[in-house]
Amino acid sequence: MHPDEAKTLITKILASDVSFEGHFNKCFENLKDTQQQELIDWIKDCKERKINPIQSKTNKDIIGFIKRIGSNIRTILTKQKEGYFLVLFLDKHKYYETQMIELGF
């Protein structure tokens, strides 16, 4: 699946104008088809609250969902506690660590 197609599908699933951060396009293109589908299914599970979120320590209005894909790719989906999904971050592990600290997770 092309990254733009994925972004359209993810936006539709979340029913929210979510931002895509990190090196989303490059990382998504490098995922195997099964990993791409795994990411989409995980996003659906987050939307349906089948995945337990973690609470930001610095912003009590933000929760996050975390997923490891393969050995080096990580994703973070953030959401307002009682509101909309905000950002889908997809990138390599070293950038993920920085993002986790910035978000207070």
C-alpha atoms as a PDB file:
ATOM      1  CA  MET A   1       0.000   0.000   0.000  1.00  0.00           C
ATOM      2  CA  HIS A   2       1.263   3.478  -0.826  1.00  0.00           C
ATOM      3  CA  PRO A   3       1.735   5.836   2.197  1.00  0.00           C
ATOM      4  CA  ASP A   4      -0.878   8.300   0.874  1.00  0.00           C
ATOM      5  CA  GLU A   5      -3.445   5.491   0.621  1.00  0.00           C
ATOM      6  CA  ALA A   6      -2.576   4.448   4.161  1.00  0.00           C
ATOM      7  CA  LYS A   7      -2.979   7.997   5.446  1.00  0.00           C
ATOM      8  CA  THR A   8      -6.429   8.248   3.848  1.00  0.00           C
ATOM      9  CA  LEU A   9      -7.476   4.890   5.324  1.00  0.00           C
ATOM     10  CA  ILE A  10      -6.111   5.735   8.786  1.00  0.00           C
ATOM     11  CA  THR A  11      -7.847   9.116   8.797  1.00  0.00           C
ATOM     12  CA  LYS A  12     -11.106   7.381   7.869  1.00  0.00           C
ATOM     13  CA  ILE A  13     -10.690   4.710  10.573  1.00  0.00           C
ATOM     14  CA  LEU A  14      -9.957   7.260  13.292  1.00  0.00           C
ATOM     15  CA  ALA A  15     -12.634   9.708  12.078  1.00  0.00           C
ATOM     16  CA  SER A  16     -10.156  12.424  12.949  1.00  0.00           C
ATOM     17  CA  ASP A  17      -7.812  14.716  11.065  1.00  0.00           C
ATOM     18  CA  VAL A  18      -4.746  13.058  12.545  1.00  0.00           C
ATOM     19  CA  SER A  19      -1.226  14.359  11.835  1.00  0.00           C
ATOM     20  CA  PHE A  20       1.439  11.990  10.563  1.00  0.00           C
ATOM     21  CA  GLU A  21       4.860  12.565  12.090  1.00  0.00           C
ATOM     22  CA  GLY A  22       8.290  11.032  12.132  1.00  0.00           C
ATOM     23  CA  HIS A  23       9.428   9.620   8.823  1.00  0.00           C
ATOM     24  CA  PHE A  24       5.977   8.136   8.224  1.00  0.00           C
ATOM     25  CA  ASN A  25       6.138   7.811   4.426  1.00  0.00           C
ATOM     26  CA  LYS A  26       9.599   6.260   4.282  1.00  0.00           C
ATOM     27  CA  CYS A  27       9.012   3.891   7.192  1.00  0.00           C
ATOM     28  CA  PHE A  28       5.581   2.813   5.933  1.00  0.00           C
ATOM     29  CA  GLU A  29       6.950   2.090   2.445  1.00  0.00           C
ATOM     30  CA  ASN A  30       9.653  -0.102   3.966  1.00  0.00           C
ATOM     31  CA  LEU A  31       7.175  -2.226   5.925  1.00  0.00           C
ATOM     32  CA  LYS A  32       6.222  -5.612   4.517  1.00  0.00           C
ATOM     33  CA  ASP A  33       2.591  -5.963   3.403  1.00  0.00           C
ATOM     34  CA  THR A  34       1.826  -8.043   6.493  1.00  0.00           C
ATOM     35  CA  GLN A  35       3.368  -5.386   8.750  1.00  0.00           C
ATOM     36  CA  GLN A  36       1.351  -2.657   7.021  1.00  0.00           C
ATOM     37  CA  GLN A  37      -1.833  -4.644   7.667  1.00  0.00           C
ATOM     38  CA  GLU A  38      -0.738  -5.269  11.258  1.00  0.00           C
ATOM     39  CA  LEU A  39      -0.381  -1.488  11.736  1.00  0.00           C
ATOM     40  CA  ILE A  40      -3.839  -0.819  10.255  1.00  0.00           C
ATOM     41  CA  ASP A  41      -5.411  -3.525  12.459  1.00  0.00           C
ATOM     42  CA  TRP A  42      -3.657  -2.095  15.529  1.00  0.00           C
ATOM     43  CA  ILE A  43      -5.045   1.366  14.745  1.00  0.00           C
ATOM     44  CA  LYS A  44      -8.552  -0.131  14.535  1.00  0.00           C
ATOM     45  CA  ASP A  45      -8.000  -1.808  17.913  1.00  0.00           C
ATOM     46  CA  CYS A  46      -6.850   1.522  19.410  1.00  0.00           C
ATOM     47  CA  LYS A  47      -9.989   3.227  18.070  1.00  0.00           C
ATOM     48  CA  GLU A  48     -12.177   0.489  19.580  1.00  0.00           C
ATOM     49  CA  ARG A  49     -10.281   0.714  22.917  1.00  0.00           C
ATOM     50  CA  LYS A  50      -9.105  -2.905  22.678  1.00  0.00           C
ATOM     51  CA  ILE A  51      -5.594  -1.639  23.449  1.00  0.00           C
ATOM     52  CA  ASN A  52      -4.835  -0.082  26.830  1.00  0.00           C
ATOM     53  CA  PRO A  53      -3.351   3.421  26.541  1.00  0.00           C
ATOM     54  CA  ILE A  54      -0.636   4.966  28.647  1.00  0.00           C
ATOM     55  CA  GLN A  55      -1.002   8.362  30.325  1.00  0.00           C
ATOM     56  CA  SER A  56       1.343  11.258  29.614  1.00  0.00           C
ATOM     57  CA  LYS A  57       3.153  12.375  32.761  1.00  0.00           C
ATOM     58  CA  THR A  58       3.480  15.947  31.506  1.00  0.00           C
ATOM     59  CA  ASN A  59       0.020  16.489  29.972  1.00  0.00           C
ATOM     60  CA  LYS A  60      -2.884  14.814  31.762  1.00  0.00           C
ATOM     61  CA  ASP A  61      -5.161  15.406  28.747  1.00  0.00           C
ATOM     62  CA  ILE A  62      -3.061  13.174  26.461  1.00  0.00           C
ATOM     63  CA  ILE A  63      -2.995   9.383  26.268  1.00  0.00           C
ATOM     64  CA  GLY A  64      -0.924   7.267  23.929  1.00  0.00           C
ATOM     65  CA  PHE A  65      -0.865   3.854  22.330  1.00  0.00           C
ATOM     66  CA  ILE A  66       2.520   2.286  21.610  1.00  0.00           C
ATOM     67  CA  LYS A  67       3.472  -0.473  19.161  1.00  0.00           C
ATOM     68  CA  ARG A  68       6.697  -2.111  18.055  1.00  0.00           C
ATOM     69  CA  ILE A  69       6.843  -3.244  14.429  1.00  0.00           C
ATOM     70  CA  GLY A  70       9.725  -5.490  13.502  1.00  0.00           C
ATOM     71  CA  SER A  71      13.052  -4.942  15.185  1.00  0.00           C
ATOM     72  CA  ASN A  72      13.530  -1.219  14.570  1.00  0.00           C
ATOM     73  CA  ILE A  73      10.214   0.549  13.805  1.00  0.00           C
ATOM     74  CA  ARG A  74       8.024   2.048  16.519  1.00  0.00           C
ATOM     75  CA  THR A  75       4.701   3.832  16.395  1.00  0.00           C
ATOM     76  CA  ILE A  76       2.912   6.108  18.839  1.00  0.00           C
ATOM     77  CA  LEU A  77      -0.730   7.107  18.424  1.00  0.00           C
ATOM     78  CA  THR A  78      -1.755  10.010  20.654  1.00  0.00           C
ATOM     79  CA  LYS A  79      -5.264  11.033  21.607  1.00  0.00           C
ATOM     80  CA  GLN A  80      -6.948  13.660  23.708  1.00  0.00           C
ATOM     81  CA  LYS A  81      -8.202  11.833  26.768  1.00  0.00           C
ATOM     82  CA  GLU A  82     -11.846  12.559  26.002  1.00  0.00           C
ATOM     83  CA  GLY A  83     -11.480  13.769  22.442  1.00  0.00           C
ATOM     84  CA  TYR A  84      -9.929  13.188  19.069  1.00  0.00           C
ATOM     85  CA  PHE A  85      -6.889  11.288  17.912  1.00  0.00           C
ATOM     86  CA  LEU A  86      -4.047  13.737  17.372  1.00  0.00           C
ATOM     87  CA  VAL A  87      -0.842  12.302  15.935  1.00  0.00           C
ATOM     88  CA  LEU A  88       0.412   9.037  14.469  1.00  0.00           C
ATOM     89  CA  PHE A  89       4.182   8.880  14.817  1.00  0.00           C
ATOM     90  CA  LEU A  90       6.045   6.198  12.848  1.00  0.00           C
ATOM     91  CA  ASP A  91       9.824   6.071  12.824  1.00  0.00           C
ATOM     92  CA  LYS A  92      12.966   4.202  13.767  1.00  0.00           C
ATOM     93  CA  HIS A  93      13.731   3.337  17.364  1.00  0.00           C
ATOM     94  CA  LYS A  94      16.186   6.199  18.045  1.00  0.00           C
ATOM     95  CA  TYR A  95      13.619   8.866  17.060  1.00  0.00           C
ATOM     96  CA  TYR A  96      10.921   7.047  19.016  1.00  0.00           C
ATOM     97  CA  GLU A  97      12.877   7.446  22.267  1.00  0.00           C
ATOM     98  CA  THR A  98      13.069  11.214  21.768  1.00  0.00           C
ATOM     99  CA  GLN A  99       9.349  11.412  20.959  1.00  0.00           C
ATOM    100  CA  MET A 100       8.427   9.391  24.061  1.00  0.00           C
ATOM    101  CA  ILE A 101      10.366  11.839  26.263  1.00  0.00           C
ATOM    102  CA  GLU A 102       8.773  14.877  24.564  1.00  0.00           C
ATOM    103  CA  LEU A 103       5.285  13.433  25.090  1.00  0.00           C
ATOM    104  CA  GLY A 104       5.962  12.549  28.723  1.00  0.00           C
ATOM    105  CA  PHE A 105       5.459   8.800  28.356  1.00  0.00           C
END
